[in-house]
Amino acid sequence: MQLFLRAVGLASVAALAQAGRVQHPGLTVPSSVDTDRDSVVKIFKSSYETYRCAKDISYVLFNLFSSLRWVVVVENLPSVMTR
């Protein structure tokens, strides 16, 4: 029942919403759109490649340090526990 009431409430609020113009009237695309588009694509690809490499490096380092941490923990165990 509560789910139904929530759905009716959301539908009521949605009915109050009004659609309107988002952009300012009279906006046009500049003539340099092709050059700008190519520049934006290059920037995106370069940035994404850098992000991907950094992510891969951080993953490798995380795994390396995680395994080193376990080696240190195991080496510090009392001799009674390692027998």
N, C-alpha and C. Protein backbone atom coordinates (compact mmCIF):
# COMPACT_ATOMS: atom_id res chain seq x y z
N MET A 1 0.82 -1.19 0.00
CA MET A 1 0.00 0.00 0.00
C MET A 1 0.86 1.25 0.00
N GLN A 2 1.94 1.22 0.82
CA GLN A 2 2.82 2.40 0.86
C GLN A 2 3.48 2.64 -0.48
N LEU A 3 3.85 1.57 -1.16
CA LEU A 3 4.46 1.71 -2.47
C LEU A 3 3.50 2.38 -3.44
N PHE A 4 2.23 1.98 -3.37
CA PHE A 4 1.22 2.58 -4.24
C PHE A 4 1.07 4.06 -3.94
N LEU A 5 1.03 4.42 -2.66
CA LEU A 5 0.88 5.83 -2.29
C LEU A 5 2.09 6.65 -2.74
N ARG A 6 3.27 6.07 -2.63
CA ARG A 6 4.46 6.77 -3.11
C ARG A 6 4.40 6.98 -4.62
N ALA A 7 3.97 5.96 -5.33
CA ALA A 7 3.86 6.07 -6.78
C ALA A 7 2.86 7.15 -7.18
N VAL A 8 1.74 7.20 -6.48
CA VAL A 8 0.73 8.23 -6.76
C VAL A 8 1.30 9.61 -6.42
N GLY A 9 2.04 9.70 -5.33
CA GLY A 9 2.64 10.98 -4.95
C GLY A 9 3.65 11.44 -5.98
N LEU A 10 4.49 10.53 -6.46
CA LEU A 10 5.46 10.90 -7.49
C LEU A 10 4.78 11.30 -8.79
N ALA A 11 3.72 10.59 -9.14
CA ALA A 11 2.98 10.94 -10.35
C ALA A 11 2.36 12.32 -10.22
N SER A 12 1.88 12.66 -9.03
CA SER A 12 1.29 13.98 -8.81
C SER A 12 2.34 15.07 -8.95
N VAL A 13 3.52 14.84 -8.39
CA VAL A 13 4.60 15.83 -8.49
C VAL A 13 5.05 15.95 -9.94
N ALA A 14 5.14 14.83 -10.65
CA ALA A 14 5.55 14.86 -12.05
C ALA A 14 4.55 15.62 -12.90
N ALA A 15 3.28 15.56 -12.54
CA ALA A 15 2.26 16.28 -13.29
C ALA A 15 2.42 17.79 -13.12
N LEU A 16 3.00 18.22 -12.01
CA LEU A 16 3.20 19.64 -11.77
C LEU A 16 4.40 20.20 -12.54
N ALA A 17 5.30 19.33 -12.97
CA ALA A 17 6.49 19.79 -13.69
C ALA A 17 6.09 20.32 -15.05
N GLN A 18 6.80 21.35 -15.46
CA GLN A 18 6.50 21.95 -16.76
C GLN A 18 7.73 21.88 -17.65
N ALA A 19 7.50 21.59 -18.90
CA ALA A 19 8.61 21.59 -19.86
C ALA A 19 8.84 23.01 -20.32
N GLY A 20 10.08 23.32 -20.59
CA GLY A 20 10.40 24.66 -21.07
C GLY A 20 11.67 24.64 -21.89
N ARG A 21 11.98 25.78 -22.45
CA ARG A 21 13.18 25.92 -23.27
C ARG A 21 14.41 25.85 -22.38
N VAL A 22 15.39 25.08 -22.82
CA VAL A 22 16.62 24.92 -22.07
C VAL A 22 17.69 25.87 -22.60
N GLN A 23 17.81 25.95 -23.92
CA GLN A 23 18.82 26.81 -24.53
C GLN A 23 18.27 28.20 -24.80
N HIS A 24 19.19 29.13 -24.82
CA HIS A 24 18.83 30.51 -25.17
C HIS A 24 18.48 30.53 -26.65
N PRO A 25 17.40 31.21 -27.04
CA PRO A 25 17.03 31.24 -28.46
C PRO A 25 18.10 31.96 -29.29
N GLY A 26 18.33 31.48 -30.49
CA GLY A 26 19.25 32.14 -31.41
C GLY A 26 20.68 31.65 -31.32
N LEU A 27 20.94 30.62 -30.51
CA LEU A 27 22.30 30.09 -30.44
C LEU A 27 22.64 29.37 -31.75
N THR A 28 23.88 29.54 -32.19
CA THR A 28 24.31 28.87 -33.42
C THR A 28 25.64 28.16 -33.15
N VAL A 29 25.94 27.20 -33.99
CA VAL A 29 27.19 26.47 -33.89
C VAL A 29 28.25 27.28 -34.63
N PRO A 30 29.43 27.50 -34.01
CA PRO A 30 30.46 28.28 -34.69
C PRO A 30 31.01 27.56 -35.91
N SER A 31 31.60 28.31 -36.81
CA SER A 31 32.13 27.71 -38.05
C SER A 31 33.35 26.82 -37.78
N SER A 32 33.99 27.00 -36.64
CA SER A 32 35.17 26.21 -36.30
C SER A 32 34.81 24.90 -35.61
N VAL A 33 33.58 24.45 -35.76
CA VAL A 33 33.11 23.29 -35.03
C VAL A 33 33.94 22.03 -35.36
N ASP A 34 34.34 21.86 -36.61
CA ASP A 34 35.11 20.66 -36.97
C ASP A 34 36.48 20.66 -36.31
N THR A 35 37.16 21.80 -36.33
CA THR A 35 38.48 21.91 -35.69
C THR A 35 38.35 21.73 -34.19
N ASP A 36 37.37 22.38 -33.59
CA ASP A 36 37.17 22.26 -32.15
C ASP A 36 36.83 20.83 -31.75
N ARG A 37 36.01 20.19 -32.54
CA ARG A 37 35.62 18.80 -32.24
C ARG A 37 36.84 17.89 -32.25
N ASP A 38 37.69 18.05 -33.26
CA ASP A 38 38.90 17.23 -33.34
C ASP A 38 39.81 17.48 -32.14
N SER A 39 39.93 18.74 -31.73
CA SER A 39 40.75 19.07 -30.56
C SER A 39 40.19 18.43 -29.30
N VAL A 40 38.90 18.48 -29.13
CA VAL A 40 38.26 17.90 -27.95
C VAL A 40 38.45 16.39 -27.94
N VAL A 41 38.33 15.75 -29.08
CA VAL A 41 38.52 14.30 -29.16
C VAL A 41 39.96 13.95 -28.79
N LYS A 42 40.93 14.72 -29.30
CA LYS A 42 42.34 14.46 -28.97
C LYS A 42 42.59 14.62 -27.47
N ILE A 43 42.04 15.69 -26.88
CA ILE A 43 42.21 15.93 -25.45
C ILE A 43 41.59 14.79 -24.64
N PHE A 44 40.39 14.37 -25.03
CA PHE A 44 39.72 13.28 -24.31
C PHE A 44 40.53 11.99 -24.39
N LYS A 45 40.98 11.64 -25.60
CA LYS A 45 41.73 10.39 -25.76
C LYS A 45 43.03 10.43 -24.97
N SER A 46 43.72 11.56 -25.00
CA SER A 46 44.98 11.70 -24.27
C SER A 46 44.74 11.60 -22.77
N SER A 47 43.73 12.29 -22.28
CA SER A 47 43.42 12.25 -20.85
C SER A 47 43.00 10.86 -20.41
N TYR A 48 42.19 10.20 -21.22
CA TYR A 48 41.73 8.87 -20.85
C TYR A 48 42.89 7.88 -20.84
N GLU A 49 43.78 8.00 -21.82
CA GLU A 49 44.93 7.09 -21.87
C GLU A 49 45.82 7.28 -20.64
N THR A 50 46.01 8.54 -20.23
CA THR A 50 46.79 8.83 -19.03
C THR A 50 46.11 8.23 -17.80
N TYR A 51 44.80 8.41 -17.70
CA TYR A 51 44.03 7.85 -16.57
C TYR A 51 44.17 6.34 -16.54
N ARG A 52 44.02 5.70 -17.72
CA ARG A 52 44.09 4.25 -17.78
C ARG A 52 45.46 3.73 -17.36
N CYS A 53 46.51 4.39 -17.80
CA CYS A 53 47.86 3.97 -17.42
C CYS A 53 48.07 4.15 -15.92
N ALA A 54 47.62 5.28 -15.38
CA ALA A 54 47.76 5.53 -13.94
C ALA A 54 46.98 4.49 -13.14
N LYS A 55 45.80 4.14 -13.63
CA LYS A 55 44.99 3.13 -12.95
C LYS A 55 45.70 1.78 -12.96
N ASP A 56 46.27 1.41 -14.11
CA ASP A 56 47.00 0.14 -14.21
C ASP A 56 48.20 0.13 -13.27
N ILE A 57 48.95 1.23 -13.23
CA ILE A 57 50.13 1.32 -12.36
C ILE A 57 49.71 1.23 -10.90
N SER A 58 48.65 1.94 -10.52
CA SER A 58 48.22 1.90 -9.13
C SER A 58 47.74 0.50 -8.75
N TYR A 59 47.11 -0.21 -9.69
CA TYR A 59 46.67 -1.59 -9.43
C TYR A 59 47.87 -2.49 -9.17
N VAL A 60 48.91 -2.36 -10.00
CA VAL A 60 50.11 -3.17 -9.83
C VAL A 60 50.79 -2.85 -8.50
N LEU A 61 50.92 -1.56 -8.19
CA LEU A 61 51.55 -1.16 -6.93
C LEU A 61 50.76 -1.64 -5.73
N PHE A 62 49.44 -1.55 -5.81
CA PHE A 62 48.59 -2.01 -4.71
C PHE A 62 48.81 -3.50 -4.47
N ASN A 63 48.83 -4.27 -5.54
CA ASN A 63 49.05 -5.72 -5.40
C ASN A 63 50.44 -6.02 -4.87
N LEU A 64 51.42 -5.27 -5.33
CA LEU A 64 52.79 -5.47 -4.87
C LEU A 64 52.89 -5.19 -3.38
N PHE A 65 52.38 -4.04 -2.95
CA PHE A 65 52.47 -3.69 -1.53
C PHE A 65 51.59 -4.57 -0.66
N SER A 66 50.49 -5.04 -1.20
CA SER A 66 49.64 -5.95 -0.43
C SER A 66 50.38 -7.26 -0.16
N SER A 67 51.08 -7.76 -1.17
CA SER A 67 51.81 -9.02 -0.97
C SER A 67 53.00 -8.80 -0.05
N LEU A 68 53.66 -7.64 -0.13
CA LEU A 68 54.77 -7.36 0.77
C LEU A 68 54.30 -7.27 2.21
N ARG A 69 53.15 -6.70 2.40
CA ARG A 69 52.60 -6.57 3.75
C ARG A 69 52.40 -7.95 4.36
N TRP A 70 51.89 -8.88 3.58
CA TRP A 70 51.66 -10.22 4.11
C TRP A 70 52.96 -10.94 4.41
N VAL A 71 53.98 -10.70 3.62
CA VAL A 71 55.28 -11.32 3.89
C VAL A 71 55.82 -10.81 5.21
N VAL A 72 55.71 -9.53 5.46
CA VAL A 72 56.19 -8.94 6.72
C VAL A 72 55.42 -9.52 7.90
N VAL A 73 54.11 -9.65 7.75
CA VAL A 73 53.29 -10.19 8.84
C VAL A 73 53.69 -11.62 9.13
N VAL A 74 53.89 -12.43 8.11
CA VAL A 74 54.25 -13.83 8.32
C VAL A 74 55.63 -13.93 8.94
N GLU A 75 56.57 -13.10 8.53
CA GLU A 75 57.91 -13.17 9.09
C GLU A 75 57.95 -12.75 10.54
N ASN A 76 57.01 -11.96 10.99
CA ASN A 76 57.00 -11.48 12.38
C ASN A 76 56.23 -12.40 13.33
N LEU A 77 55.73 -13.52 12.84
CA LEU A 77 55.02 -14.44 13.71
C LEU A 77 56.00 -15.07 14.71
N PRO A 78 55.54 -15.36 15.92
CA PRO A 78 56.41 -16.05 16.88
C PRO A 78 56.79 -17.42 16.33
N SER A 79 57.95 -17.91 16.73
CA SER A 79 58.47 -19.18 16.20
C SER A 79 57.54 -20.35 16.54
N VAL A 80 56.82 -20.27 17.62
CA VAL A 80 55.90 -21.35 18.01
C VAL A 80 54.81 -21.51 16.95
N MET A 81 54.37 -20.40 16.38
CA MET A 81 53.27 -20.45 15.41
C MET A 81 53.74 -20.89 14.03
N THR A 82 55.01 -20.77 13.73
CA THR A 82 55.47 -21.11 12.38
C THR A 82 55.94 -22.55 12.26
N ARG A 83 55.96 -23.29 13.34
CA ARG A 83 56.42 -24.68 13.28
C ARG A 83 55.36 -25.60 12.79
